[in-house]
């Protein structure tokens, strides 16, 4: 690396911290709604279970798109 290029260390630490925060949110049960919104497909028959969270993934996509938009505006 040349002296002018920034170190990737802070970026890696930030991504790790974000992963830990998401893990804590999932562990706390704050995402119990995921996969249970109207429009999400849930099929259960005997020992077969199929989950297709269409609407939940649309919500996640919208939130990530909004975050990406605002981050690009700030830079």
C-alpha atoms as a PDB file:
ATOM      1  CA  UNK A   1       0.000   0.000   0.000  1.00  0.00           C
ATOM      2  CA  UNK A   2       1.174   3.443  -0.787  1.00  0.00           C
ATOM      3  CA  UNK A   3       1.225   6.097   1.964  1.00  0.00           C
ATOM      4  CA  UNK A   4      -1.634   7.997   0.272  1.00  0.00           C
ATOM      5  CA  UNK A   5      -4.155   5.130   0.321  1.00  0.00           C
ATOM      6  CA  UNK A   6      -6.280   4.830   3.458  1.00  0.00           C
ATOM      7  CA  UNK A   7      -6.026   1.758   5.640  1.00  0.00           C
ATOM      8  CA  UNK A   8      -8.859  -0.772   5.276  1.00  0.00           C
ATOM      9  CA  UNK A   9      -8.725  -1.451   9.024  1.00  0.00           C
ATOM     10  CA  UNK A  10     -11.403   1.042  10.143  1.00  0.00           C
ATOM     11  CA  UNK A  11     -13.763  -0.166   7.407  1.00  0.00           C
ATOM     12  CA  UNK A  12     -13.336  -3.793   8.477  1.00  0.00           C
ATOM     13  CA  UNK A  13     -13.911  -2.881  12.144  1.00  0.00           C
ATOM     14  CA  UNK A  14     -17.028  -0.903  11.188  1.00  0.00           C
ATOM     15  CA  UNK A  15     -18.447  -3.802   9.185  1.00  0.00           C
ATOM     16  CA  UNK A  16     -17.725  -6.157  12.086  1.00  0.00           C
ATOM     17  CA  UNK A  17     -19.474  -3.839  14.540  1.00  0.00           C
ATOM     18  CA  UNK A  18     -22.491  -3.656  12.223  1.00  0.00           C
ATOM     19  CA  UNK A  19     -22.633  -7.449  12.022  1.00  0.00           C
ATOM     20  CA  UNK A  20     -22.507  -7.676  15.825  1.00  0.00           C
ATOM     21  CA  UNK A  21     -25.334  -5.115  16.153  1.00  0.00           C
ATOM     22  CA  UNK A  22     -27.512  -6.993  13.667  1.00  0.00           C
ATOM     23  CA  UNK A  23     -26.786 -10.228  15.538  1.00  0.00           C
ATOM     24  CA  UNK A  24     -27.850  -8.665  18.833  1.00  0.00           C
ATOM     25  CA  UNK A  25     -31.078  -7.360  17.299  1.00  0.00           C
ATOM     26  CA  UNK A  26     -31.902 -10.798  15.887  1.00  0.00           C
ATOM     27  CA  UNK A  27     -30.998 -12.496  19.161  1.00  0.00           C
ATOM     28  CA  UNK A  28     -33.208 -10.139  21.173  1.00  0.00           C
ATOM     29  CA  UNK A  29     -36.229 -11.146  19.096  1.00  0.00           C
ATOM     30  CA  UNK A  30     -36.819  -7.687  17.631  1.00  0.00           C
ATOM     31  CA  UNK A  31     -37.157  -9.211  14.152  1.00  0.00           C
ATOM     32  CA  UNK A  32     -39.971 -11.659  14.937  1.00  0.00           C
ATOM     33  CA  UNK A  33     -42.054  -9.958  12.236  1.00  0.00           C
ATOM     34  CA  UNK A  34     -39.654 -11.061   9.506  1.00  0.00           C
ATOM     35  CA  UNK A  35     -41.354 -13.686   7.347  1.00  0.00           C
ATOM     36  CA  UNK A  36     -44.775 -13.065   8.874  1.00  0.00           C
ATOM     37  CA  UNK A  37     -45.952 -10.021   6.937  1.00  0.00           C
ATOM     38  CA  UNK A  38     -49.046 -10.216   4.734  1.00  0.00           C
ATOM     39  CA  UNK A  39     -47.880 -11.441   1.338  1.00  0.00           C
ATOM     40  CA  UNK A  40     -45.124 -13.694   2.676  1.00  0.00           C
ATOM     41  CA  UNK A  41     -45.633 -17.290   1.598  1.00  0.00           C
ATOM     42  CA  UNK A  42     -45.572 -19.965   4.299  1.00  0.00           C
ATOM     43  CA  UNK A  43     -46.377 -23.571   3.457  1.00  0.00           C
ATOM     44  CA  UNK A  44     -46.338 -26.302   6.084  1.00  0.00           C
ATOM     45  CA  UNK A  45     -47.396 -29.882   5.475  1.00  0.00           C
ATOM     46  CA  UNK A  46     -46.237 -32.717   7.675  1.00  0.00           C
ATOM     47  CA  UNK A  47     -42.472 -32.466   7.891  1.00  0.00           C
ATOM     48  CA  UNK A  48     -42.203 -30.078   4.919  1.00  0.00           C
ATOM     49  CA  UNK A  49     -41.855 -26.343   5.558  1.00  0.00           C
ATOM     50  CA  UNK A  50     -41.337 -23.725   2.864  1.00  0.00           C
ATOM     51  CA  UNK A  51     -40.937 -20.015   3.623  1.00  0.00           C
ATOM     52  CA  UNK A  52     -40.764 -17.384   0.880  1.00  0.00           C
ATOM     53  CA  UNK A  53     -40.670 -13.952   2.559  1.00  0.00           C
ATOM     54  CA  UNK A  54     -41.480 -11.792  -0.520  1.00  0.00           C
ATOM     55  CA  UNK A  55     -42.854  -8.764   1.305  1.00  0.00           C
ATOM     56  CA  UNK A  56     -40.279  -8.936   4.101  1.00  0.00           C
ATOM     57  CA  UNK A  57     -37.466  -8.893   1.538  1.00  0.00           C
ATOM     58  CA  UNK A  58     -39.086  -5.914  -0.225  1.00  0.00           C
ATOM     59  CA  UNK A  59     -39.061  -4.044   3.098  1.00  0.00           C
ATOM     60  CA  UNK A  60     -35.401  -4.945   3.703  1.00  0.00           C
ATOM     61  CA  UNK A  61     -34.523  -3.890   0.139  1.00  0.00           C
ATOM     62  CA  UNK A  62     -36.277  -0.553   0.584  1.00  0.00           C
ATOM     63  CA  UNK A  63     -34.507   0.156   3.865  1.00  0.00           C
ATOM     64  CA  UNK A  64     -31.087  -0.765   2.453  1.00  0.00           C
ATOM     65  CA  UNK A  65     -31.742   1.347  -0.654  1.00  0.00           C
ATOM     66  CA  UNK A  66     -32.673   4.341   1.507  1.00  0.00           C
ATOM     67  CA  UNK A  67     -29.555   3.920   3.642  1.00  0.00           C
ATOM     68  CA  UNK A  68     -27.410   3.643   0.520  1.00  0.00           C
ATOM     69  CA  UNK A  69     -29.023   6.765  -0.952  1.00  0.00           C
ATOM     70  CA  UNK A  70     -28.368   8.842   2.172  1.00  0.00           C
ATOM     71  CA  UNK A  71     -24.796   7.577   2.542  1.00  0.00           C
ATOM     72  CA  UNK A  72     -24.054   8.548  -1.073  1.00  0.00           C
ATOM     73  CA  UNK A  73     -25.599  11.989  -0.508  1.00  0.00           C
ATOM     74  CA  UNK A  74     -23.356  12.554   2.540  1.00  0.00           C
ATOM     75  CA  UNK A  75     -20.169  11.617   0.667  1.00  0.00           C
END
